Amino acid sequence: MCLAIPGKLTAISAQLDDTFRMGKVSFGGVIKEINLSMVPEAQVGDYVLVHVGVAIGTIDEAEAHKTFEYIRRIGELDELEGSSTQTDTP
């Protein structure tokens, strides 16, 4: 089973071209550098679905919050929580 986690795109940090587009995504305050090459339309402030370090799609804010809260409740955020540097909502 594949799991994609929703997060908020907070910055686009590199954009040499669409192949190497990278950005910072907040997962409930945990900020990770994510590959954005599969979502060339994504802009800062958008919510993206991330699977193994790659944003694979966009999602609306309400659905992102709902999904993130469910994932948090079932305890599937352990990998992310060790490296938090900022606090923010997803």
C-alpha atoms as a PDB file:
ATOM      1  CA  MET A   1       0.000   0.000   0.000  1.00  0.00           C
ATOM      2  CA  CYS A   2       1.265   3.469  -0.889  1.00  0.00           C
ATOM      3  CA  LEU A   3       0.662   6.400   1.403  1.00  0.00           C
ATOM      4  CA  ALA A   4       0.893  10.029   0.327  1.00  0.00           C
ATOM      5  CA  ILE A   5       1.035  12.652   3.065  1.00  0.00           C
ATOM      6  CA  PRO A   6      -0.479  16.120   2.501  1.00  0.00           C
ATOM      7  CA  GLY A   7       1.660  19.161   3.238  1.00  0.00           C
ATOM      8  CA  LYS A   8       1.732  22.880   2.527  1.00  0.00           C
ATOM      9  CA  LEU A   9       4.258  24.161  -0.006  1.00  0.00           C
ATOM     10  CA  THR A  10       6.028  26.990   1.832  1.00  0.00           C
ATOM     11  CA  ALA A  11       8.864  27.795  -0.584  1.00  0.00           C
ATOM     12  CA  ILE A  12      10.207  26.867  -3.978  1.00  0.00           C
ATOM     13  CA  SER A  13      13.927  26.609  -3.341  1.00  0.00           C
ATOM     14  CA  ALA A  14      15.318  25.605  -6.717  1.00  0.00           C
ATOM     15  CA  GLN A  15      13.911  25.884 -10.181  1.00  0.00           C
ATOM     16  CA  LEU A  16      16.607  25.264 -12.771  1.00  0.00           C
ATOM     17  CA  ASP A  17      13.848  23.778 -14.918  1.00  0.00           C
ATOM     18  CA  ASP A  18      10.784  21.627 -14.251  1.00  0.00           C
ATOM     19  CA  THR A  19      12.929  18.478 -13.974  1.00  0.00           C
ATOM     20  CA  PHE A  20      14.839  19.717 -10.917  1.00  0.00           C
ATOM     21  CA  ARG A  21      12.151  21.826  -9.241  1.00  0.00           C
ATOM     22  CA  MET A  22      12.418  21.516  -5.453  1.00  0.00           C
ATOM     23  CA  GLY A  23      10.513  23.104  -2.592  1.00  0.00           C
ATOM     24  CA  LYS A  24      10.010  23.156   1.139  1.00  0.00           C
ATOM     25  CA  VAL A  25       6.836  21.516   2.387  1.00  0.00           C
ATOM     26  CA  SER A  26       5.433  21.755   5.909  1.00  0.00           C
ATOM     27  CA  PHE A  27       3.858  18.652   7.415  1.00  0.00           C
ATOM     28  CA  GLY A  28       2.266  20.028  10.570  1.00  0.00           C
ATOM     29  CA  GLY A  29       5.409  22.013  11.365  1.00  0.00           C
ATOM     30  CA  VAL A  30       7.965  19.512  10.096  1.00  0.00           C
ATOM     31  CA  ILE A  31       9.682  21.073   7.072  1.00  0.00           C
ATOM     32  CA  LYS A  32      11.103  18.788   4.374  1.00  0.00           C
ATOM     33  CA  GLU A  33      12.776  19.445   1.012  1.00  0.00           C
ATOM     34  CA  ILE A  34      10.541  17.831  -1.631  1.00  0.00           C
ATOM     35  CA  ASN A  35      10.905  17.168  -5.359  1.00  0.00           C
ATOM     36  CA  LEU A  36       8.209  19.132  -7.217  1.00  0.00           C
ATOM     37  CA  SER A  37       8.891  17.910 -10.761  1.00  0.00           C
ATOM     38  CA  MET A  38       5.586  15.997 -10.959  1.00  0.00           C
ATOM     39  CA  VAL A  39       3.530  19.072  -9.966  1.00  0.00           C
ATOM     40  CA  PRO A  40       4.805  21.889 -12.192  1.00  0.00           C
ATOM     41  CA  GLU A  41       1.599  23.848 -11.519  1.00  0.00           C
ATOM     42  CA  ALA A  42       2.117  23.928  -7.722  1.00  0.00           C
ATOM     43  CA  GLN A  43       2.795  27.334  -6.197  1.00  0.00           C
ATOM     44  CA  VAL A  44       3.756  28.517  -2.707  1.00  0.00           C
ATOM     45  CA  GLY A  45       0.687  28.169  -0.477  1.00  0.00           C
ATOM     46  CA  ASP A  46      -0.697  25.141  -2.314  1.00  0.00           C
ATOM     47  CA  TYR A  47      -1.176  21.787  -0.616  1.00  0.00           C
ATOM     48  CA  VAL A  48       0.564  18.814  -2.198  1.00  0.00           C
ATOM     49  CA  LEU A  49       0.454  15.058  -1.664  1.00  0.00           C
ATOM     50  CA  VAL A  50       3.949  13.687  -1.014  1.00  0.00           C
ATOM     51  CA  HIS A  51       5.107  10.102  -1.434  1.00  0.00           C
ATOM     52  CA  VAL A  52       8.746   9.167  -0.662  1.00  0.00           C
ATOM     53  CA  GLY A  53      10.009  12.727  -1.088  1.00  0.00           C
ATOM     54  CA  VAL A  54       8.146  13.526  -4.299  1.00  0.00           C
ATOM     55  CA  ALA A  55       5.002  15.643  -4.593  1.00  0.00           C
ATOM     56  CA  ILE A  56       2.672  13.531  -6.731  1.00  0.00           C
ATOM     57  CA  GLY A  57      -0.380  15.789  -6.849  1.00  0.00           C
ATOM     58  CA  THR A  58      -2.156  18.771  -5.383  1.00  0.00           C
ATOM     59  CA  ILE A  59      -5.055  18.733  -2.943  1.00  0.00           C
ATOM     60  CA  ASP A  60      -7.413  21.391  -1.594  1.00  0.00           C
ATOM     61  CA  GLU A  61      -6.759  22.801   1.889  1.00  0.00           C
ATOM     62  CA  ALA A  62      -9.801  21.303   3.625  1.00  0.00           C
ATOM     63  CA  GLU A  63      -9.042  17.808   2.329  1.00  0.00           C
ATOM     64  CA  ALA A  64      -5.358  18.212   3.267  1.00  0.00           C
ATOM     65  CA  HIS A  65      -6.227  19.087   6.869  1.00  0.00           C
ATOM     66  CA  LYS A  66      -8.737  16.237   7.124  1.00  0.00           C
ATOM     67  CA  THR A  67      -6.291  13.678   5.712  1.00  0.00           C
ATOM     68  CA  PHE A  68      -3.337  14.926   7.783  1.00  0.00           C
ATOM     69  CA  GLU A  69      -5.385  14.743  10.989  1.00  0.00           C
ATOM     70  CA  TYR A  70      -6.435  11.167  10.208  1.00  0.00           C
ATOM     71  CA  ILE A  71      -2.818  10.160   9.546  1.00  0.00           C
ATOM     72  CA  ARG A  72      -1.748  11.838  12.801  1.00  0.00           C
ATOM     73  CA  ARG A  73      -4.461   9.966  14.763  1.00  0.00           C
ATOM     74  CA  ILE A  74      -3.411   6.562  13.486  1.00  0.00           C
ATOM     75  CA  GLY A  75       0.210   7.288  14.437  1.00  0.00           C
ATOM     76  CA  GLU A  76       1.789   7.231  10.991  1.00  0.00           C
ATOM     77  CA  LEU A  77       3.825  10.443  11.386  1.00  0.00           C
ATOM     78  CA  ASP A  78       6.692   9.013  13.451  1.00  0.00           C
ATOM     79  CA  GLU A  79       9.225   9.362  10.603  1.00  0.00           C
ATOM     80  CA  LEU A  80       8.552  13.069  10.221  1.00  0.00           C
ATOM     81  CA  GLU A  81       8.464  14.143  13.848  1.00  0.00           C
ATOM     82  CA  GLY A  82      12.162  13.776  14.660  1.00  0.00           C
ATOM     83  CA  SER A  83      13.326  16.708  12.504  1.00  0.00           C
ATOM     84  CA  SER A  84      10.884  19.549  13.189  1.00  0.00           C
ATOM     85  CA  THR A  85      12.410  23.020  13.006  1.00  0.00           C
ATOM     86  CA  GLN A  86       9.273  25.165  12.703  1.00  0.00           C
ATOM     87  CA  THR A  87       5.686  25.007  13.791  1.00  0.00           C
ATOM     88  CA  ASP A  88       2.926  25.435  11.242  1.00  0.00           C
ATOM     89  CA  THR A  89      -0.246  23.707  10.172  1.00  0.00           C
ATOM     90  CA  PRO A  90      -0.062  21.223   7.266  1.00  0.00           C
END
